[in-house]
Amino acid sequence: VQYAGASGDFNPIHWNERFAKEVGLPDVIAHGMFTMAQAI
C-alpha cells in the first residue's frame, strides 16, 4: 500500500485478494518495480 501511494500504481492485484484471485493469481502480488528496487 505504501509503495502504491509512492508510485501511483494502484492496480488491485497489489492490494485486493479477491480481485487477484479472480484474474488467476494465487494471491496479492508485489509490484514488479518494487521487486526490482529491492534487488538493486
Full PDB file with SEQRES, HELIX, SHEET, SSBOND, CRYST1, ORIGX, SCALE, CONECT and MASTER records, all heavy atoms in Angstrom:
SEQRES   1 A   40  VAL GLN TYR ALA GLY ALA SER GLY ASP PHE ASN PRO ILE          
SEQRES   2 A   40  HIS TRP ASN GLU ARG PHE ALA LYS GLU VAL GLY LEU PRO          
SEQRES   3 A   40  ASP VAL ILE ALA HIS GLY MET PHE THR MET ALA GLN ALA          
SEQRES   4 A   40  ILE                                                          
HELIX    1 AA1 GLN A    2  SER A    7  1                                   6    
HELIX    2 AA2 PRO A   12  HIS A   14  5                                   3    
HELIX    3 AA3 GLU A   17  GLU A   22  1                                   6    
HELIX    4 AA4 GLY A   32  ALA A   39  1                                   8    
CRYST1    1.000    1.000    1.000  90.00  90.00  90.00 P 1           1          
ORIGX1      1.000000  0.000000  0.000000        0.00000                         
ORIGX2      0.000000  1.000000  0.000000        0.00000                         
ORIGX3      0.000000  0.000000  1.000000        0.00000                         
SCALE1      1.000000  0.000000  0.000000        0.00000                         
SCALE2      0.000000  1.000000  0.000000        0.00000                         
SCALE3      0.000000  0.000000  1.000000        0.00000                         
ATOM      1  N   VAL A   1       0.843  -1.194   0.000  1.00  0.00           N  
ATOM      2  CA  VAL A   1       0.000   0.000   0.000  1.00  0.00           C  
ATOM      3  C   VAL A   1       0.885   1.254   0.000  1.00  0.00           C  
ATOM      4  O   VAL A   1       0.623   2.217  -0.734  1.00  0.00           O  
ATOM      5  CB  VAL A   1      -0.967  -0.007   1.203  1.00  0.00           C  
ATOM      6  CG1 VAL A   1      -1.679   1.335   1.351  1.00  0.00           C  
ATOM      7  CG2 VAL A   1      -1.971  -1.139   1.053  1.00  0.00           C  
ATOM      8  N   GLN A   2       1.946   1.232   0.788  1.00  0.00           N  
ATOM      9  CA  GLN A   2       2.875   2.371   0.808  1.00  0.00           C  
ATOM     10  C   GLN A   2       3.522   2.563  -0.553  1.00  0.00           C  
ATOM     11  O   GLN A   2       3.638   3.692  -1.039  1.00  0.00           O  
ATOM     12  CB  GLN A   2       3.943   2.157   1.880  1.00  0.00           C  
ATOM     13  CG  GLN A   2       3.405   2.232   3.285  1.00  0.00           C  
ATOM     14  CD  GLN A   2       4.397   1.739   4.322  1.00  0.00           C  
ATOM     15  OE1 GLN A   2       5.290   0.947   4.046  1.00  0.00           O  
ATOM     16  NE2 GLN A   2       4.236   2.210   5.546  1.00  0.00           N  
ATOM     17  N   TYR A   3       3.938   1.475  -1.181  1.00  0.00           N  
ATOM     18  CA  TYR A   3       4.567   1.582  -2.497  1.00  0.00           C  
ATOM     19  C   TYR A   3       3.560   2.084  -3.530  1.00  0.00           C  
ATOM     20  O   TYR A   3       3.900   2.913  -4.385  1.00  0.00           O  
ATOM     21  CB  TYR A   3       5.166   0.239  -2.938  1.00  0.00           C  
ATOM     22  CG  TYR A   3       5.900   0.370  -4.245  1.00  0.00           C  
ATOM     23  CD1 TYR A   3       7.190   0.890  -4.280  1.00  0.00           C  
ATOM     24  CD2 TYR A   3       5.289   0.030  -5.450  1.00  0.00           C  
ATOM     25  CE1 TYR A   3       7.855   1.053  -5.483  1.00  0.00           C  
ATOM     26  CE2 TYR A   3       5.947   0.193  -6.647  1.00  0.00           C  
ATOM     27  CZ  TYR A   3       7.237   0.700  -6.667  1.00  0.00           C  
ATOM     28  OH  TYR A   3       7.880   0.877  -7.861  1.00  0.00           O  
ATOM     29  N   ALA A   4       2.324   1.619  -3.457  1.00  0.00           N  
ATOM     30  CA  ALA A   4       1.294   2.081  -4.385  1.00  0.00           C  
ATOM     31  C   ALA A   4       1.126   3.596  -4.267  1.00  0.00           C  
ATOM     32  O   ALA A   4       1.017   4.297  -5.286  1.00  0.00           O  
ATOM     33  CB  ALA A   4      -0.030   1.366  -4.124  1.00  0.00           C  
ATOM     34  N   GLY A   5       1.105   4.098  -3.050  1.00  0.00           N  
ATOM     35  CA  GLY A   5       0.974   5.534  -2.848  1.00  0.00           C  
ATOM     36  C   GLY A   5       2.148   6.309  -3.416  1.00  0.00           C  
ATOM     37  O   GLY A   5       1.977   7.371  -4.023  1.00  0.00           O  
ATOM     38  N   ALA A   6       3.347   5.769  -3.250  1.00  0.00           N  
ATOM     39  CA  ALA A   6       4.545   6.448  -3.751  1.00  0.00           C  
ATOM     40  C   ALA A   6       4.654   6.371  -5.266  1.00  0.00           C  
ATOM     41  O   ALA A   6       5.090   7.320  -5.919  1.00  0.00           O  
ATOM     42  CB  ALA A   6       5.792   5.846  -3.107  1.00  0.00           C  
ATOM     43  N   SER A   7       4.248   5.252  -5.833  1.00  0.00           N  
ATOM     44  CA  SER A   7       4.432   5.037  -7.274  1.00  0.00           C  
ATOM     45  C   SER A   7       3.221   5.453  -8.102  1.00  0.00           C  
ATOM     46  O   SER A   7       3.332   5.675  -9.304  1.00  0.00           O  
ATOM     47  CB  SER A   7       4.717   3.560  -7.556  1.00  0.00           C  
ATOM     48  OG  SER A   7       3.561   2.770  -7.297  1.00  0.00           O  
ATOM     49  N   GLY A   8       2.064   5.500  -7.468  1.00  0.00           N  
ATOM     50  CA  GLY A   8       0.835   5.782  -8.202  1.00  0.00           C  
ATOM     51  C   GLY A   8       0.252   4.548  -8.875  1.00  0.00           C  
ATOM     52  O   GLY A   8      -0.714   4.643  -9.625  1.00  0.00           O  
ATOM     53  N   ASP A   9       0.816   3.371  -8.606  1.00  0.00           N  
ATOM     54  CA  ASP A   9       0.328   2.124  -9.196  1.00  0.00           C  
ATOM     55  C   ASP A   9      -0.655   1.467  -8.230  1.00  0.00           C  
ATOM     56  O   ASP A   9      -0.256   0.736  -7.331  1.00  0.00           O  
ATOM     57  CB  ASP A   9       1.493   1.189  -9.501  1.00  0.00           C  
ATOM     58  CG  ASP A   9       1.072  -0.124 -10.158  1.00  0.00           C  
ATOM     59  OD1 ASP A   9      -0.149  -0.398 -10.240  1.00  0.00           O  
ATOM     60  OD2 ASP A   9       1.957  -0.881 -10.569  1.00  0.00           O  
ATOM     61  N   PHE A  10      -1.936   1.729  -8.453  1.00  0.00           N  
ATOM     62  CA  PHE A  10      -2.974   1.203  -7.577  1.00  0.00           C  
ATOM     63  C   PHE A  10      -3.707   0.021  -8.196  1.00  0.00           C  
ATOM     64  O   PHE A  10      -4.866  -0.242  -7.876  1.00  0.00           O  
ATOM     65  CB  PHE A  10      -3.964   2.308  -7.208  1.00  0.00           C  
ATOM     66  CG  PHE A  10      -3.350   3.383  -6.357  1.00  0.00           C  
ATOM     67  CD1 PHE A  10      -2.928   4.576  -6.924  1.00  0.00           C  
ATOM     68  CD2 PHE A  10      -3.170   3.187  -4.999  1.00  0.00           C  
ATOM     69  CE1 PHE A  10      -2.342   5.564  -6.141  1.00  0.00           C  
ATOM     70  CE2 PHE A  10      -2.591   4.172  -4.212  1.00  0.00           C  
ATOM     71  CZ  PHE A  10      -2.169   5.363  -4.784  1.00  0.00           C  
ATOM     72  N   ASN A  11      -3.036  -0.722  -9.067  1.00  0.00           N  
ATOM     73  CA  ASN A  11      -3.642  -1.902  -9.671  1.00  0.00           C  
ATOM     74  C   ASN A  11      -4.117  -2.821  -8.542  1.00  0.00           C  
ATOM     75  O   ASN A  11      -3.353  -3.137  -7.627  1.00  0.00           O  
ATOM     76  CB  ASN A  11      -2.609  -2.620 -10.551  1.00  0.00           C  
ATOM     77  CG  ASN A  11      -3.198  -3.749 -11.357  1.00  0.00           C  
ATOM     78  OD1 ASN A  11      -4.035  -4.503 -10.878  1.00  0.00           O  
ATOM     79  ND2 ASN A  11      -2.748  -3.883 -12.582  1.00  0.00           N  
ATOM     80  N   PRO A  12      -5.370  -3.276  -8.593  1.00  0.00           N  
ATOM     81  CA  PRO A  12      -5.901  -4.085  -7.488  1.00  0.00           C  
ATOM     82  C   PRO A  12      -5.211  -5.430  -7.284  1.00  0.00           C  
ATOM     83  O   PRO A  12      -5.360  -6.027  -6.214  1.00  0.00           O  
ATOM     84  CB  PRO A  12      -7.379  -4.267  -7.831  1.00  0.00           C  
ATOM     85  CG  PRO A  12      -7.545  -3.843  -9.236  1.00  0.00           C  
ATOM     86  CD  PRO A  12      -6.400  -2.956  -9.587  1.00  0.00           C  
ATOM     87  N   ILE A  13      -4.423  -5.913  -8.226  1.00  0.00           N  
ATOM     88  CA  ILE A  13      -3.693  -7.170  -7.993  1.00  0.00           C  
ATOM     89  C   ILE A  13      -2.659  -7.013  -6.887  1.00  0.00           C  
ATOM     90  O   ILE A  13      -2.165  -7.994  -6.352  1.00  0.00           O  
ATOM     91  CB  ILE A  13      -3.023  -7.726  -9.269  1.00  0.00           C  
ATOM     92  CG1 ILE A  13      -1.947  -6.772  -9.797  1.00  0.00           C  
ATOM     93  CG2 ILE A  13      -4.058  -8.055 -10.329  1.00  0.00           C  
ATOM     94  CD1 ILE A  13      -1.120  -7.321 -10.947  1.00  0.00           C  
ATOM     95  N   HIS A  14      -2.357  -5.756  -6.530  1.00  0.00           N  
ATOM     96  CA  HIS A  14      -1.362  -5.485  -5.493  1.00  0.00           C  
ATOM     97  C   HIS A  14      -1.962  -5.238  -4.119  1.00  0.00           C  
ATOM     98  O   HIS A  14      -1.230  -5.054  -3.153  1.00  0.00           O  
ATOM     99  CB  HIS A  14      -0.494  -4.292  -5.895  1.00  0.00           C  
ATOM    100  CG  HIS A  14       0.191  -4.458  -7.211  1.00  0.00           C  
ATOM    101  ND1 HIS A  14       1.024  -5.523  -7.488  1.00  0.00           N  
ATOM    102  CD2 HIS A  14       0.143  -3.723  -8.336  1.00  0.00           C  
ATOM    103  CE1 HIS A  14       1.466  -5.413  -8.728  1.00  0.00           C  
ATOM    104  NE2 HIS A  14       0.951  -4.335  -9.264  1.00  0.00           N  
ATOM    105  N   TRP A  15      -3.310  -5.241  -4.004  1.00  0.00           N  
ATOM    106  CA  TRP A  15      -3.904  -4.984  -2.698  1.00  0.00           C  
ATOM    107  C   TRP A  15      -5.243  -5.685  -2.459  1.00  0.00           C  
ATOM    108  O   TRP A  15      -5.657  -5.829  -1.321  1.00  0.00           O  
ATOM    109  CB  TRP A  15      -4.075  -3.485  -2.449  1.00  0.00           C  
ATOM    110  CG  TRP A  15      -4.916  -2.785  -3.475  1.00  0.00           C  
ATOM    111  CD1 TRP A  15      -4.466  -2.203  -4.630  1.00  0.00           C  
ATOM    112  CD2 TRP A  15      -6.322  -2.605  -3.468  1.00  0.00           C  
ATOM    113  NE1 TRP A  15      -5.514  -1.671  -5.338  1.00  0.00           N  
ATOM    114  CE2 TRP A  15      -6.672  -1.891  -4.649  1.00  0.00           C  
ATOM    115  CE3 TRP A  15      -7.340  -2.966  -2.587  1.00  0.00           C  
ATOM    116  CZ2 TRP A  15      -7.977  -1.554  -4.960  1.00  0.00           C  
ATOM    117  CZ3 TRP A  15      -8.651  -2.623  -2.895  1.00  0.00           C  
ATOM    118  CH2 TRP A  15      -8.958  -1.913  -4.069  1.00  0.00           C  
ATOM    119  N   ASN A  16      -5.899  -6.177  -3.514  1.00  0.00           N  
ATOM    120  CA  ASN A  16      -7.218  -6.773  -3.373  1.00  0.00           C  
ATOM    121  C   ASN A  16      -7.142  -8.279  -3.650  1.00  0.00           C  
ATOM    122  O   ASN A  16      -7.032  -8.702  -4.801  1.00  0.00           O  
ATOM    123  CB  ASN A  16      -8.188  -6.088  -4.341  1.00  0.00           C  
ATOM    124  CG  ASN A  16      -9.608  -6.568  -4.201  1.00  0.00           C  
ATOM    125  OD1 ASN A  16      -9.871  -7.754  -4.069  1.00  0.00           O  
ATOM    126  ND2 ASN A  16     -10.548  -5.626  -4.256  1.00  0.00           N  
ATOM    127  N   GLU A  17      -7.193  -9.061  -2.598  1.00  0.00           N  
ATOM    128  CA  GLU A  17      -7.037 -10.513  -2.712  1.00  0.00           C  
ATOM    129  C   GLU A  17      -8.105 -11.136  -3.616  1.00  0.00           C  
ATOM    130  O   GLU A  17      -7.798 -11.982  -4.460  1.00  0.00           O  
ATOM    131  CB  GLU A  17      -7.091 -11.136  -1.316  1.00  0.00           C  
ATOM    132  CG  GLU A  17      -6.829 -12.614  -1.289  1.00  0.00           C  
ATOM    133  CD  GLU A  17      -6.763 -13.153   0.126  1.00  0.00           C  
ATOM    134  OE1 GLU A  17      -6.376 -12.403   1.049  1.00  0.00           O  
ATOM    135  OE2 GLU A  17      -7.088 -14.328   0.305  1.00  0.00           O  
ATOM    136  N   ARG A  18      -9.344 -10.717  -3.443  1.00  0.00           N  
ATOM    137  CA  ARG A  18     -10.430 -11.269  -4.265  1.00  0.00           C  
ATOM    138  C   ARG A  18     -10.170 -11.004  -5.745  1.00  0.00           C  
ATOM    139  O   ARG A  18     -10.248 -11.907  -6.576  1.00  0.00           O  
ATOM    140  CB  ARG A  18     -11.782 -10.662  -3.846  1.00  0.00           C  
ATOM    141  CG  ARG A  18     -12.963 -11.191  -4.647  1.00  0.00           C  
ATOM    142  CD  ARG A  18     -14.279 -10.494  -4.291  1.00  0.00           C  
ATOM    143  NE  ARG A  18     -14.200  -9.041  -4.193  1.00  0.00           N  
ATOM    144  CZ  ARG A  18     -14.161  -8.209  -5.258  1.00  0.00           C  
ATOM    145  NH1 ARG A  18     -14.198  -8.690  -6.474  1.00  0.00           N  
ATOM    146  NH2 ARG A  18     -14.112  -6.911  -5.077  1.00  0.00           N  
ATOM    147  N   PHE A  19      -9.810  -9.783  -6.080  1.00  0.00           N  
ATOM    148  CA  PHE A  19      -9.550  -9.433  -7.476  1.00  0.00           C  
ATOM    149  C   PHE A  19      -8.355 -10.219  -8.020  1.00  0.00           C  
ATOM    150  O   PHE A  19      -8.407 -10.752  -9.141  1.00  0.00           O  
ATOM    151  CB  PHE A  19      -9.295  -7.928  -7.623  1.00  0.00           C  
ATOM    152  CG  PHE A  19      -9.080  -7.503  -9.044  1.00  0.00           C  
ATOM    153  CD1 PHE A  19     -10.162  -7.219  -9.859  1.00  0.00           C  
ATOM    154  CD2 PHE A  19      -7.800  -7.406  -9.574  1.00  0.00           C  
ATOM    155  CE1 PHE A  19      -9.967  -6.842 -11.183  1.00  0.00           C  
ATOM    156  CE2 PHE A  19      -7.601  -7.036 -10.890  1.00  0.00           C  
ATOM    157  CZ  PHE A  19      -8.684  -6.748 -11.708  1.00  0.00           C  
ATOM    158  N   ALA A  20      -7.273 -10.294  -7.243  1.00  0.00           N  
ATOM    159  CA  ALA A  20      -6.074 -11.013  -7.680  1.00  0.00           C  
ATOM    160  C   ALA A  20      -6.415 -12.466  -8.017  1.00  0.00           C  
ATOM    161  O   ALA A  20      -5.981 -12.993  -9.055  1.00  0.00           O  
ATOM    162  CB  ALA A  20      -4.995 -10.950  -6.606  1.00  0.00           C  
ATOM    163  N   LYS A  21      -7.203 -13.099  -7.184  1.00  0.00           N  
ATOM    164  CA  LYS A  21      -7.580 -14.497  -7.428  1.00  0.00           C  
ATOM    165  C   LYS A  21      -8.526 -14.617  -8.623  1.00  0.00           C  
ATOM    166  O   LYS A  21      -8.437 -15.583  -9.384  1.00  0.00           O  
ATOM    167  CB  LYS A  21      -8.188 -15.107  -6.162  1.00  0.00           C  
ATOM    168  CG  LYS A  21      -7.125 -15.330  -5.083  1.00  0.00           C  
ATOM    169  CD  LYS A  21      -7.692 -15.945  -3.838  1.00  0.00           C  
ATOM    170  CE  LYS A  21      -6.551 -16.195  -2.842  1.00  0.00           C  
ATOM    171  NZ  LYS A  21      -7.022 -16.829  -1.619  1.00  0.00           N  
ATOM    172  N   GLU A  22      -9.405 -13.641  -8.812  1.00  0.00           N  
ATOM    173  CA  GLU A  22     -10.319 -13.673  -9.961  1.00  0.00           C  
ATOM    174  C   GLU A  22      -9.576 -13.612 -11.298  1.00  0.00           C  
ATOM    175  O   GLU A  22     -10.051 -14.145 -12.289  1.00  0.00           O  
ATOM    176  CB  GLU A  22     -11.321 -12.516  -9.883  1.00  0.00           C  
ATOM    177  CG  GLU A  22     -12.425 -12.732  -8.883  1.00  0.00           C  
ATOM    178  CD  GLU A  22     -13.358 -11.523  -8.754  1.00  0.00           C  
ATOM    179  OE1 GLU A  22     -13.143 -10.502  -9.444  1.00  0.00           O  
ATOM    180  OE2 GLU A  22     -14.299 -11.611  -7.949  1.00  0.00           O  
ATOM    181  N   VAL A  23      -8.411 -12.963 -11.311  1.00  0.00           N  
ATOM    182  CA  VAL A  23      -7.647 -12.868 -12.561  1.00  0.00           C  
ATOM    183  C   VAL A  23      -6.588 -13.975 -12.664  1.00  0.00           C  
ATOM    184  O   VAL A  23      -5.727 -13.931 -13.540  1.00  0.00           O  
ATOM    185  CB  VAL A  23      -7.022 -11.471 -12.764  1.00  0.00           C  
ATOM    186  CG1 VAL A  23      -8.099 -10.405 -12.871  1.00  0.00           C  
ATOM    187  CG2 VAL A  23      -6.014 -11.131 -11.683  1.00  0.00           C  
ATOM    188  N   GLY A  24      -6.658 -14.953 -11.762  1.00  0.00           N  
ATOM    189  CA  GLY A  24      -5.803 -16.129 -11.880  1.00  0.00           C  
ATOM    190  C   GLY A  24      -4.527 -16.122 -11.072  1.00  0.00           C  
ATOM    191  O   GLY A  24      -3.707 -17.040 -11.199  1.00  0.00           O  
ATOM    192  N   LEU A  25      -4.339 -15.147 -10.228  1.00  0.00           N  
ATOM    193  CA  LEU A  25      -3.149 -15.117  -9.372  1.00  0.00           C  
ATOM    194  C   LEU A  25      -3.433 -15.889  -8.085  1.00  0.00           C  
ATOM    195  O   LEU A  25      -4.582 -15.995  -7.664  1.00  0.00           O  
ATOM    196  CB  LEU A  25      -2.766 -13.670  -9.051  1.00  0.00           C  
ATOM    197  CG  LEU A  25      -2.317 -12.840 -10.247  1.00  0.00           C  
ATOM    198  CD1 LEU A  25      -2.241 -11.363  -9.871  1.00  0.00           C  
ATOM    199  CD2 LEU A  25      -0.974 -13.340 -10.767  1.00  0.00           C  
ATOM    200  N   PRO A  26      -2.389 -16.407  -7.442  1.00  0.00           N  
ATOM    201  CA  PRO A  26      -2.614 -17.161  -6.203  1.00  0.00           C  
ATOM    202  C   PRO A  26      -3.026 -16.276  -5.026  1.00  0.00           C  
ATOM    203  O   PRO A  26      -3.635 -16.752  -4.072  1.00  0.00           O  
ATOM    204  CB  PRO A  26      -1.265 -17.824  -5.932  1.00  0.00           C  
ATOM    205  CG  PRO A  26      -0.275 -17.015  -6.685  1.00  0.00           C  
ATOM    206  CD  PRO A  26      -0.996 -16.418  -7.859  1.00  0.00           C  
ATOM    207  N   ASP A  27      -2.688 -14.990  -5.087  1.00  0.00           N  
ATOM    208  CA  ASP A  27      -2.976 -14.043  -4.015  1.00  0.00           C  
ATOM    209  C   ASP A  27      -2.488 -12.682  -4.508  1.00  0.00           C  
ATOM    210  O   ASP A  27      -2.057 -12.535  -5.653  1.00  0.00           O  
ATOM    211  CB  ASP A  27      -2.242 -14.452  -2.728  1.00  0.00           C  
ATOM    212  CG  ASP A  27      -2.943 -13.975  -1.461  1.00  0.00           C  
ATOM    213  OD1 ASP A  27      -3.604 -12.922  -1.499  1.00  0.00           O  
ATOM    214  OD2 ASP A  27      -2.820 -14.659  -0.427  1.00  0.00           O  
ATOM    215  N   VAL A  28      -2.502 -11.706  -3.641  1.00  0.00           N  
ATOM    216  CA  VAL A  28      -1.945 -10.389  -3.952  1.00  0.00           C  
ATOM    217  C   VAL A  28      -0.460 -10.557  -4.258  1.00  0.00           C  
ATOM    218  O   VAL A  28       0.230 -11.367  -3.624  1.00  0.00           O  
ATOM    219  CB  VAL A  28      -2.165  -9.447  -2.739  1.00  0.00           C  
ATOM    220  CG1 VAL A  28      -1.326  -8.199  -2.838  1.00  0.00           C  
ATOM    221  CG2 VAL A  28      -3.633  -9.104  -2.607  1.00  0.00           C  
ATOM    222  N   ILE A  29       0.026  -9.795  -5.236  1.00  0.00           N  
ATOM    223  CA  ILE A  29       1.451  -9.881  -5.585  1.00  0.00           C  
ATOM    224  C   ILE A  29       2.109  -8.504  -5.467  1.00  0.00           C  
ATOM    225  O   ILE A  29       1.449  -7.473  -5.604  1.00  0.00           O  
ATOM    226  CB  ILE A  29       1.674 -10.438  -7.011  1.00  0.00           C  
ATOM    227  CG1 ILE A  29       1.067  -9.516  -8.071  1.00  0.00           C  
ATOM    228  CG2 ILE A  29       1.131 -11.859  -7.115  1.00  0.00           C  
ATOM    229  CD1 ILE A  29       1.461  -9.875  -9.505  1.00  0.00           C  
ATOM    230  N   ALA A  30       3.404  -8.525  -5.216  1.00  0.00           N  
ATOM    231  CA  ALA A  30       4.180  -7.285  -5.133  1.00  0.00           C  
ATOM    232  C   ALA A  30       4.326  -6.675  -6.525  1.00  0.00           C  
ATOM    233  O   ALA A  30       4.333  -7.385  -7.535  1.00  0.00           O  
ATOM    234  CB  ALA A  30       5.558  -7.561  -4.534  1.00  0.00           C  
ATOM    235  N   HIS A  31       4.449  -5.376  -6.566  1.00  0.00           N  
ATOM    236  CA  HIS A  31       4.706  -4.660  -7.807  1.00  0.00           C  
ATOM    237  C   HIS A  31       6.054  -5.117  -8.376  1.00  0.00           C  
ATOM    238  O   HIS A  31       7.030  -5.276  -7.632  1.00  0.00           O  
ATOM    239  CB  HIS A  31       4.805  -3.154  -7.552  1.00  0.00           C  
ATOM    240  CG  HIS A  31       3.608  -2.549  -6.905  1.00  0.00           C  
ATOM    241  ND1 HIS A  31       3.283  -2.753  -5.578  1.00  0.00           N  
ATOM    242  CD2 HIS A  31       2.663  -1.733  -7.401  1.00  0.00           C  
ATOM    243  CE1 HIS A  31       2.186  -2.078  -5.291  1.00  0.00           C  
ATOM    244  NE2 HIS A  31       1.784  -1.451  -6.386  1.00  0.00           N  
ATOM    245  N   GLY A  32       6.124  -5.276  -9.678  1.00  0.00           N  
ATOM    246  CA  GLY A  32       7.381  -5.665 -10.309  1.00  0.00           C  
ATOM    247  C   GLY A  32       8.486  -4.656 -10.067  1.00  0.00           C  
ATOM    248  O   GLY A  32       9.629  -5.021  -9.768  1.00  0.00           O  
ATOM    249  N   MET A  33       8.165  -3.376 -10.174  1.00  0.00           N  
ATOM    250  CA  MET A  33       9.189  -2.347  -9.961  1.00  0.00           C  
ATOM    251  C   MET A  33       9.653  -2.317  -8.508  1.00  0.00           C  
ATOM    252  O   MET A  33      10.815  -2.025  -8.230  1.00  0.00           O  
ATOM    253  CB  MET A  33       8.669  -0.964 -10.376  1.00  0.00           C  
ATOM    254  CG  MET A  33       8.371  -0.820 -11.861  1.00  0.00           C  
ATOM    255  SD  MET A  33       9.833  -1.062 -12.885  1.00  0.00           S  
ATOM    256  CE  MET A  33       9.347  -2.544 -13.747  1.00  0.00           C  
ATOM    257  N   PHE A  34       8.762  -2.655  -7.589  1.00  0.00           N  
ATOM    258  CA  PHE A  34       9.156  -2.751  -6.185  1.00  0.00           C  
ATOM    259  C   PHE A  34      10.168  -3.875  -6.009  1.00  0.00           C  
ATOM    260  O   PHE A  34      11.184  -3.717  -5.335  1.00  0.00           O  
ATOM    261  CB  PHE A  34       7.925  -2.989  -5.292  1.00  0.00           C  
ATOM    262  CG  PHE A  34       8.275  -3.245  -3.851  1.00  0.00           C  
ATOM    263  CD1 PHE A  34       8.515  -2.188  -2.993  1.00  0.00           C  
ATOM    264  CD2 PHE A  34       8.377  -4.536  -3.362  1.00  0.00           C  
ATOM    265  CE1 PHE A  34       8.851  -2.414  -1.663  1.00  0.00           C  
ATOM    266  CE2 PHE A  34       8.709  -4.775  -2.038  1.00  0.00           C  
ATOM    267  CZ  PHE A  34       8.956  -3.708  -1.189  1.00  0.00           C  
ATOM    268  N   THR A  35       9.880  -5.016  -6.630  1.00  0.00           N  
ATOM    269  CA  THR A  35      10.782  -6.164  -6.542  1.00  0.00           C  
ATOM    270  C   THR A  35      12.150  -5.807  -7.117  1.00  0.00           C  
ATOM    271  O   THR A  35      13.186  -6.108  -6.521  1.00  0.00           O  
ATOM    272  CB  THR A  35      10.169  -7.373  -7.269  1.00  0.00           C  
ATOM    273  OG1 THR A  35       8.877  -7.649  -6.702  1.00  0.00           O  
ATOM    274  CG2 THR A  35      11.049  -8.606  -7.145  1.00  0.00           C  
ATOM    275  N   MET A  36      12.152  -5.155  -8.279  1.00  0.00           N  
ATOM    276  CA  MET A  36      13.417  -4.705  -8.877  1.00  0.00           C  
ATOM    277  C   MET A  36      14.180  -3.772  -7.939  1.00  0.00           C  
ATOM    278  O   MET A  36      15.400  -3.884  -7.786  1.00  0.00           O  
ATOM    279  CB  MET A  36      13.168  -3.968 -10.189  1.00  0.00           C  
ATOM    280  CG  MET A  36      12.886  -4.820 -11.382  1.00  0.00           C  
ATOM    281  SD  MET A  36      12.699  -3.812 -12.886  1.00  0.00           S  
ATOM    282  CE  MET A  36      14.389  -3.290 -13.191  1.00  0.00           C  
ATOM    283  N   ALA A  37      13.457  -2.842  -7.331  1.00  0.00           N  
ATOM    284  CA  ALA A  37      14.088  -1.862  -6.446  1.00  0.00           C  
ATOM    285  C   ALA A  37      14.720  -2.527  -5.227  1.00  0.00           C  
ATOM    286  O   ALA A  37      15.816  -2.150  -4.799  1.00  0.00           O  
ATOM    287  CB  ALA A  37      13.070  -0.811  -6.012  1.00  0.00           C  
ATOM    288  N   GLN A  38      14.028  -3.507  -4.672  1.00  0.00           N  
ATOM    289  CA  GLN A  38      14.596  -4.209  -3.524  1.00  0.00           C  
ATOM    290  C   GLN A  38      15.878  -4.938  -3.918  1.00  0.00           C  
ATOM    291  O   GLN A  38      16.872  -4.898  -3.199  1.00  0.00           O  
ATOM    292  CB  GLN A  38      13.578  -5.176  -2.918  1.00  0.00           C  
ATOM    293  CG  GLN A  38      12.351  -4.509  -2.344  1.00  0.00           C  
ATOM    294  CD  GLN A  38      12.691  -3.425  -1.339  1.00  0.00           C  
ATOM    295  OE1 GLN A  38      13.381  -3.654  -0.364  1.00  0.00           O  
ATOM    296  NE2 GLN A  38      12.212  -2.224  -1.593  1.00  0.00           N  
ATOM    297  N   ALA A  39      15.849  -5.602  -5.068  1.00  0.00           N  
ATOM    298  CA  ALA A  39      17.017  -6.371  -5.503  1.00  0.00           C  
ATOM    299  C   ALA A  39      18.237  -5.481  -5.722  1.00  0.00           C  
ATOM    300  O   ALA A  39      19.345  -5.817  -5.292  1.00  0.00           O  
ATOM    301  CB  ALA A  39      16.681  -7.150  -6.774  1.00  0.00           C  
ATOM    302  N   ILE A  40      18.061  -4.339  -6.360  1.00  0.00           N  
ATOM    303  CA  ILE A  40      19.222  -3.494  -6.669  1.00  0.00           C  
ATOM    304  C   ILE A  40      19.819  -2.861  -5.415  1.00  0.00           C  
ATOM    305  O   ILE A  40      20.972  -2.421  -5.416  1.00  0.00           O  
ATOM    306  CB  ILE A  40      18.873  -2.428  -7.738  1.00  0.00           C  
ATOM    307  CG1 ILE A  40      20.138  -1.851  -8.392  1.00  0.00           C  
ATOM    308  CG2 ILE A  40      18.031  -1.318  -7.144  1.00  0.00           C  
ATOM    309  CD1 ILE A  40      20.926  -2.825  -9.210  1.00  0.00           C  
TER     310      ILE A  40                                                      
MASTER        0    0    0    4    0    0    0    6  309    1    0    4          
END                                                                             
